[in-house]
Amino acid sequence: MSESSQAKKEITALLDRWVSAFKVKDVSTLRNCWDASYDSLVYQAEEFPQPLTSWLHIKHYYREVLTKPIERVIKWDRTGLWMSIFGDVGYAYCTNDFTMIIRHASEAYSGNVRQTFVVRKVGAAWKIIHYHESLQTMPTPEDFRLDEPDPK
């Protein structure tokens, strides 16, 4: 297996660990997926207008979000994964269908979340240093022709 293939396998395992921990609200494992020693962390959660940029805020975010608003994660299924590696740094873009029970909400919260993870190799392990999530809030325009050449 090539070095790049091995890295992609290891990063996929990290993402699988993150998803598995999120599904069962395992705060400790989620925190362990991050490189707490990195100075320029970024976590852009859907519910905040600004990113969390300190380890203190990121680690407490998991505690707060998984014990207060989110009662239960019913589904978090990856529907797409794209990845690239640059030496000891890589990024992964994922799409996931999700369903959660939110405290005091009358219906389950469902949708498709898009996630970007930037990871770096720390010793023998890959760790997250940047995370961004977004939901599609606008329908895809039907008249977009992305495969057609520009008009002359």
C-alpha atoms as a PDB file:
ATOM      1  CA  MET A   1       0.000   0.000   0.000  1.00  0.00           C
ATOM      2  CA  SER A   2       1.354   3.435  -0.910  1.00  0.00           C
ATOM      3  CA  GLU A   3       2.030   6.047   1.770  1.00  0.00           C
ATOM      4  CA  SER A   4      -0.886   8.148   0.474  1.00  0.00           C
ATOM      5  CA  SER A   5      -3.251   5.148   0.496  1.00  0.00           C
ATOM      6  CA  GLN A   6      -2.211   4.313   4.047  1.00  0.00           C
ATOM      7  CA  ALA A   7      -2.772   7.928   5.124  1.00  0.00           C
ATOM      8  CA  LYS A   8      -6.245   7.948   3.536  1.00  0.00           C
ATOM      9  CA  LYS A   9      -7.075   4.712   5.341  1.00  0.00           C
ATOM     10  CA  GLU A  10      -5.918   6.173   8.677  1.00  0.00           C
ATOM     11  CA  ILE A  11      -7.802   9.451   8.146  1.00  0.00           C
ATOM     12  CA  THR A  12     -10.961   7.544   7.220  1.00  0.00           C
ATOM     13  CA  ALA A  13     -10.575   5.596  10.474  1.00  0.00           C
ATOM     14  CA  LEU A  14     -10.282   8.912  12.370  1.00  0.00           C
ATOM     15  CA  LEU A  15     -13.476  10.200  10.725  1.00  0.00           C
ATOM     16  CA  ASP A  16     -15.248   6.916  11.489  1.00  0.00           C
ATOM     17  CA  ARG A  17     -14.168   7.234  15.131  1.00  0.00           C
ATOM     18  CA  TRP A  18     -15.498  10.828  15.222  1.00  0.00           C
ATOM     19  CA  VAL A  19     -18.874   9.757  13.760  1.00  0.00           C
ATOM     20  CA  SER A  20     -19.172   6.740  16.062  1.00  0.00           C
ATOM     21  CA  ALA A  21     -18.414   8.899  19.092  1.00  0.00           C
ATOM     22  CA  PHE A  22     -20.861  11.595  18.021  1.00  0.00           C
ATOM     23  CA  LYS A  23     -23.624   9.019  17.534  1.00  0.00           C
ATOM     24  CA  VAL A  24     -23.279   7.776  21.120  1.00  0.00           C
ATOM     25  CA  LYS A  25     -22.407  11.208  22.581  1.00  0.00           C
ATOM     26  CA  ASP A  26     -18.936  10.062  23.678  1.00  0.00           C
ATOM     27  CA  VAL A  27     -17.325  13.396  24.605  1.00  0.00           C
ATOM     28  CA  SER A  28     -13.964  11.891  25.562  1.00  0.00           C
ATOM     29  CA  THR A  29     -13.445  10.146  22.207  1.00  0.00           C
ATOM     30  CA  LEU A  30     -14.555  13.239  20.271  1.00  0.00           C
ATOM     31  CA  ARG A  31     -12.025  15.334  22.168  1.00  0.00           C
ATOM     32  CA  ASN A  32      -9.331  12.730  21.527  1.00  0.00           C
ATOM     33  CA  CYS A  33      -9.836  13.117  17.766  1.00  0.00           C
ATOM     34  CA  TRP A  34      -8.444  16.668  18.003  1.00  0.00           C
ATOM     35  CA  ASP A  35      -4.858  17.940  18.232  1.00  0.00           C
ATOM     36  CA  ALA A  36      -5.219  19.897  21.475  1.00  0.00           C
ATOM     37  CA  SER A  37      -1.596  21.089  21.172  1.00  0.00           C
ATOM     38  CA  TYR A  38      -2.159  22.930  17.873  1.00  0.00           C
ATOM     39  CA  ASP A  39      -2.219  26.753  18.221  1.00  0.00           C
ATOM     40  CA  SER A  40      -4.597  27.625  15.376  1.00  0.00           C
ATOM     41  CA  LEU A  41      -7.592  25.325  15.858  1.00  0.00           C
ATOM     42  CA  VAL A  42     -10.858  26.186  14.116  1.00  0.00           C
ATOM     43  CA  TYR A  43     -14.289  24.658  14.743  1.00  0.00           C
ATOM     44  CA  GLN A  44     -17.160  26.224  12.798  1.00  0.00           C
ATOM     45  CA  ALA A  45     -20.368  24.752  14.151  1.00  0.00           C
ATOM     46  CA  GLU A  46     -23.590  25.332  12.259  1.00  0.00           C
ATOM     47  CA  GLU A  47     -25.254  27.034  15.212  1.00  0.00           C
ATOM     48  CA  PHE A  48     -22.572  29.691  15.786  1.00  0.00           C
ATOM     49  CA  PRO A  49     -21.865  32.747  13.600  1.00  0.00           C
ATOM     50  CA  GLN A  50     -18.151  32.690  14.525  1.00  0.00           C
ATOM     51  CA  PRO A  51     -15.741  29.761  14.809  1.00  0.00           C
ATOM     52  CA  LEU A  52     -14.444  28.357  18.061  1.00  0.00           C
ATOM     53  CA  THR A  53     -10.669  28.921  17.962  1.00  0.00           C
ATOM     54  CA  SER A  54      -9.351  27.660  21.277  1.00  0.00           C
ATOM     55  CA  TRP A  55      -9.019  24.151  22.620  1.00  0.00           C
ATOM     56  CA  LEU A  56     -10.876  25.214  25.774  1.00  0.00           C
ATOM     57  CA  HIS A  57     -13.946  26.268  23.771  1.00  0.00           C
ATOM     58  CA  ILE A  58     -13.846  23.254  21.434  1.00  0.00           C
ATOM     59  CA  LYS A  59     -13.581  20.704  24.232  1.00  0.00           C
ATOM     60  CA  HIS A  60     -16.352  22.416  26.214  1.00  0.00           C
ATOM     61  CA  TYR A  61     -18.520  22.676  23.087  1.00  0.00           C
ATOM     62  CA  TYR A  62     -18.722  18.884  22.873  1.00  0.00           C
ATOM     63  CA  ARG A  63     -19.705  18.683  26.538  1.00  0.00           C
ATOM     64  CA  GLU A  64     -22.383  21.345  26.123  1.00  0.00           C
ATOM     65  CA  VAL A  65     -23.911  20.333  22.776  1.00  0.00           C
ATOM     66  CA  LEU A  66     -24.090  16.638  23.621  1.00  0.00           C
ATOM     67  CA  THR A  67     -25.545  17.096  27.106  1.00  0.00           C
ATOM     68  CA  LYS A  68     -27.925  20.033  26.602  1.00  0.00           C
ATOM     69  CA  PRO A  69     -29.649  20.411  23.197  1.00  0.00           C
ATOM     70  CA  ILE A  70     -28.975  16.976  21.638  1.00  0.00           C
ATOM     71  CA  GLU A  71     -30.927  14.251  23.388  1.00  0.00           C
ATOM     72  CA  ARG A  72     -30.135  11.473  20.932  1.00  0.00           C
ATOM     73  CA  VAL A  73     -28.496  10.944  17.554  1.00  0.00           C
ATOM     74  CA  ILE A  74     -30.670   8.530  15.609  1.00  0.00           C
ATOM     75  CA  LYS A  75     -28.738   8.533  12.337  1.00  0.00           C
ATOM     76  CA  TRP A  76     -25.456   9.862  11.001  1.00  0.00           C
ATOM     77  CA  ASP A  77     -24.711   8.098   7.728  1.00  0.00           C
ATOM     78  CA  ARG A  78     -21.890   9.158   5.429  1.00  0.00           C
ATOM     79  CA  THR A  79     -23.110   9.616   1.873  1.00  0.00           C
ATOM     80  CA  GLY A  80     -19.888  10.934   0.340  1.00  0.00           C
ATOM     81  CA  LEU A  81     -16.180  11.290   1.098  1.00  0.00           C
ATOM     82  CA  TRP A  82     -13.449  13.117  -0.820  1.00  0.00           C
ATOM     83  CA  MET A  83      -9.919  13.353   0.516  1.00  0.00           C
ATOM     84  CA  SER A  84      -6.479  14.706  -0.344  1.00  0.00           C
ATOM     85  CA  ILE A  85      -3.130  14.385   1.429  1.00  0.00           C
ATOM     86  CA  PHE A  86      -0.191  16.818   1.430  1.00  0.00           C
ATOM     87  CA  GLY A  87       2.594  15.098   3.360  1.00  0.00           C
ATOM     88  CA  ASP A  88       1.629  15.276   7.048  1.00  0.00           C
ATOM     89  CA  VAL A  89      -1.523  17.329   6.382  1.00  0.00           C
ATOM     90  CA  GLY A  90      -4.749  16.271   4.729  1.00  0.00           C
ATOM     91  CA  TYR A  91      -8.320  17.300   4.286  1.00  0.00           C
ATOM     92  CA  ALA A  92     -11.543  15.395   3.951  1.00  0.00           C
ATOM     93  CA  TYR A  93     -14.897  16.610   2.728  1.00  0.00           C
ATOM     94  CA  CYS A  94     -17.871  14.489   3.806  1.00  0.00           C
ATOM     95  CA  THR A  95     -21.594  14.549   3.299  1.00  0.00           C
ATOM     96  CA  ASN A  96     -23.851  12.834   5.823  1.00  0.00           C
ATOM     97  CA  ASP A  97     -27.557  12.246   6.279  1.00  0.00           C
ATOM     98  CA  PHE A  98     -28.504  12.806   9.908  1.00  0.00           C
ATOM     99  CA  THR A  99     -31.438  12.675  12.271  1.00  0.00           C
ATOM    100  CA  MET A 100     -31.301  13.880  15.878  1.00  0.00           C
ATOM    101  CA  ILE A 101     -33.724  14.397  18.707  1.00  0.00           C
ATOM    102  CA  ILE A 102     -33.320  17.938  20.029  1.00  0.00           C
ATOM    103  CA  ARG A 103     -34.544  18.751  23.514  1.00  0.00           C
ATOM    104  CA  HIS A 104     -37.842  20.662  23.504  1.00  0.00           C
ATOM    105  CA  ALA A 105     -38.299  20.259  19.724  1.00  0.00           C
ATOM    106  CA  SER A 106     -41.598  18.827  18.521  1.00  0.00           C
ATOM    107  CA  GLU A 107     -40.032  16.928  15.605  1.00  0.00           C
ATOM    108  CA  ALA A 108     -36.743  15.189  14.874  1.00  0.00           C
ATOM    109  CA  TYR A 109     -34.062  17.404  13.316  1.00  0.00           C
ATOM    110  CA  SER A 110     -32.931  15.876  10.006  1.00  0.00           C
ATOM    111  CA  GLY A 111     -30.977  16.846   6.940  1.00  0.00           C
ATOM    112  CA  ASN A 112     -27.737  16.520   5.066  1.00  0.00           C
ATOM    113  CA  VAL A 113     -24.654  18.019   6.682  1.00  0.00           C
ATOM    114  CA  ARG A 114     -21.513  18.891   4.756  1.00  0.00           C
ATOM    115  CA  GLN A 115     -18.282  18.684   6.715  1.00  0.00           C
ATOM    116  CA  THR A 116     -14.706  19.664   6.006  1.00  0.00           C
ATOM    117  CA  PHE A 117     -11.980  18.275   8.245  1.00  0.00           C
ATOM    118  CA  VAL A 118      -8.353  19.404   8.066  1.00  0.00           C
ATOM    119  CA  VAL A 119      -6.068  16.955   9.829  1.00  0.00           C
ATOM    120  CA  ARG A 120      -2.381  16.675  10.550  1.00  0.00           C
ATOM    121  CA  LYS A 121      -0.138  13.810  11.540  1.00  0.00           C
ATOM    122  CA  VAL A 122       0.942  14.048  15.169  1.00  0.00           C
ATOM    123  CA  GLY A 123       3.400  11.287  15.973  1.00  0.00           C
ATOM    124  CA  ALA A 124       1.753   8.141  14.622  1.00  0.00           C
ATOM    125  CA  ALA A 125      -1.818   9.487  14.684  1.00  0.00           C
ATOM    126  CA  TRP A 126      -3.889  11.821  12.525  1.00  0.00           C
ATOM    127  CA  LYS A 127      -5.673  14.563  14.485  1.00  0.00           C
ATOM    128  CA  ILE A 128      -8.245  17.208  13.557  1.00  0.00           C
ATOM    129  CA  ILE A 129      -7.071  20.839  13.508  1.00  0.00           C
ATOM    130  CA  HIS A 130      -9.934  22.436  11.534  1.00  0.00           C
ATOM    131  CA  TYR A 131     -13.599  21.509  11.211  1.00  0.00           C
ATOM    132  CA  HIS A 132     -16.431  23.227   9.368  1.00  0.00           C
ATOM    133  CA  GLU A 133     -20.014  22.072   8.999  1.00  0.00           C
ATOM    134  CA  SER A 134     -22.864  23.462   6.955  1.00  0.00           C
ATOM    135  CA  LEU A 135     -26.357  22.488   5.936  1.00  0.00           C
ATOM    136  CA  GLN A 136     -27.833  23.087   2.511  1.00  0.00           C
ATOM    137  CA  THR A 137     -30.369  25.815   3.138  1.00  0.00           C
ATOM    138  CA  MET A 138     -31.062  26.853  -0.453  1.00  0.00           C
ATOM    139  CA  PRO A 139     -32.408  24.474  -3.124  1.00  0.00           C
ATOM    140  CA  THR A 140     -30.077  23.633  -5.983  1.00  0.00           C
ATOM    141  CA  PRO A 141     -31.096  25.761  -9.001  1.00  0.00           C
ATOM    142  CA  GLU A 142     -32.516  23.537 -11.725  1.00  0.00           C
ATOM    143  CA  ASP A 143     -31.192  25.671 -14.581  1.00  0.00           C
ATOM    144  CA  PHE A 144     -27.479  25.458 -13.699  1.00  0.00           C
ATOM    145  CA  ARG A 145     -25.504  23.843 -16.532  1.00  0.00           C
ATOM    146  CA  LEU A 146     -22.173  23.105 -14.934  1.00  0.00           C
ATOM    147  CA  ASP A 147     -20.932  20.736 -17.646  1.00  0.00           C
ATOM    148  CA  GLU A 148     -21.549  23.060 -20.576  1.00  0.00           C
ATOM    149  CA  PRO A 149     -18.780  25.266 -22.016  1.00  0.00           C
ATOM    150  CA  ASP A 150     -18.960  29.038 -21.652  1.00  0.00           C
ATOM    151  CA  PRO A 151     -20.983  30.752 -24.381  1.00  0.00           C
ATOM    152  CA  LYS A 152     -18.918  32.339 -27.147  1.00  0.00           C
END
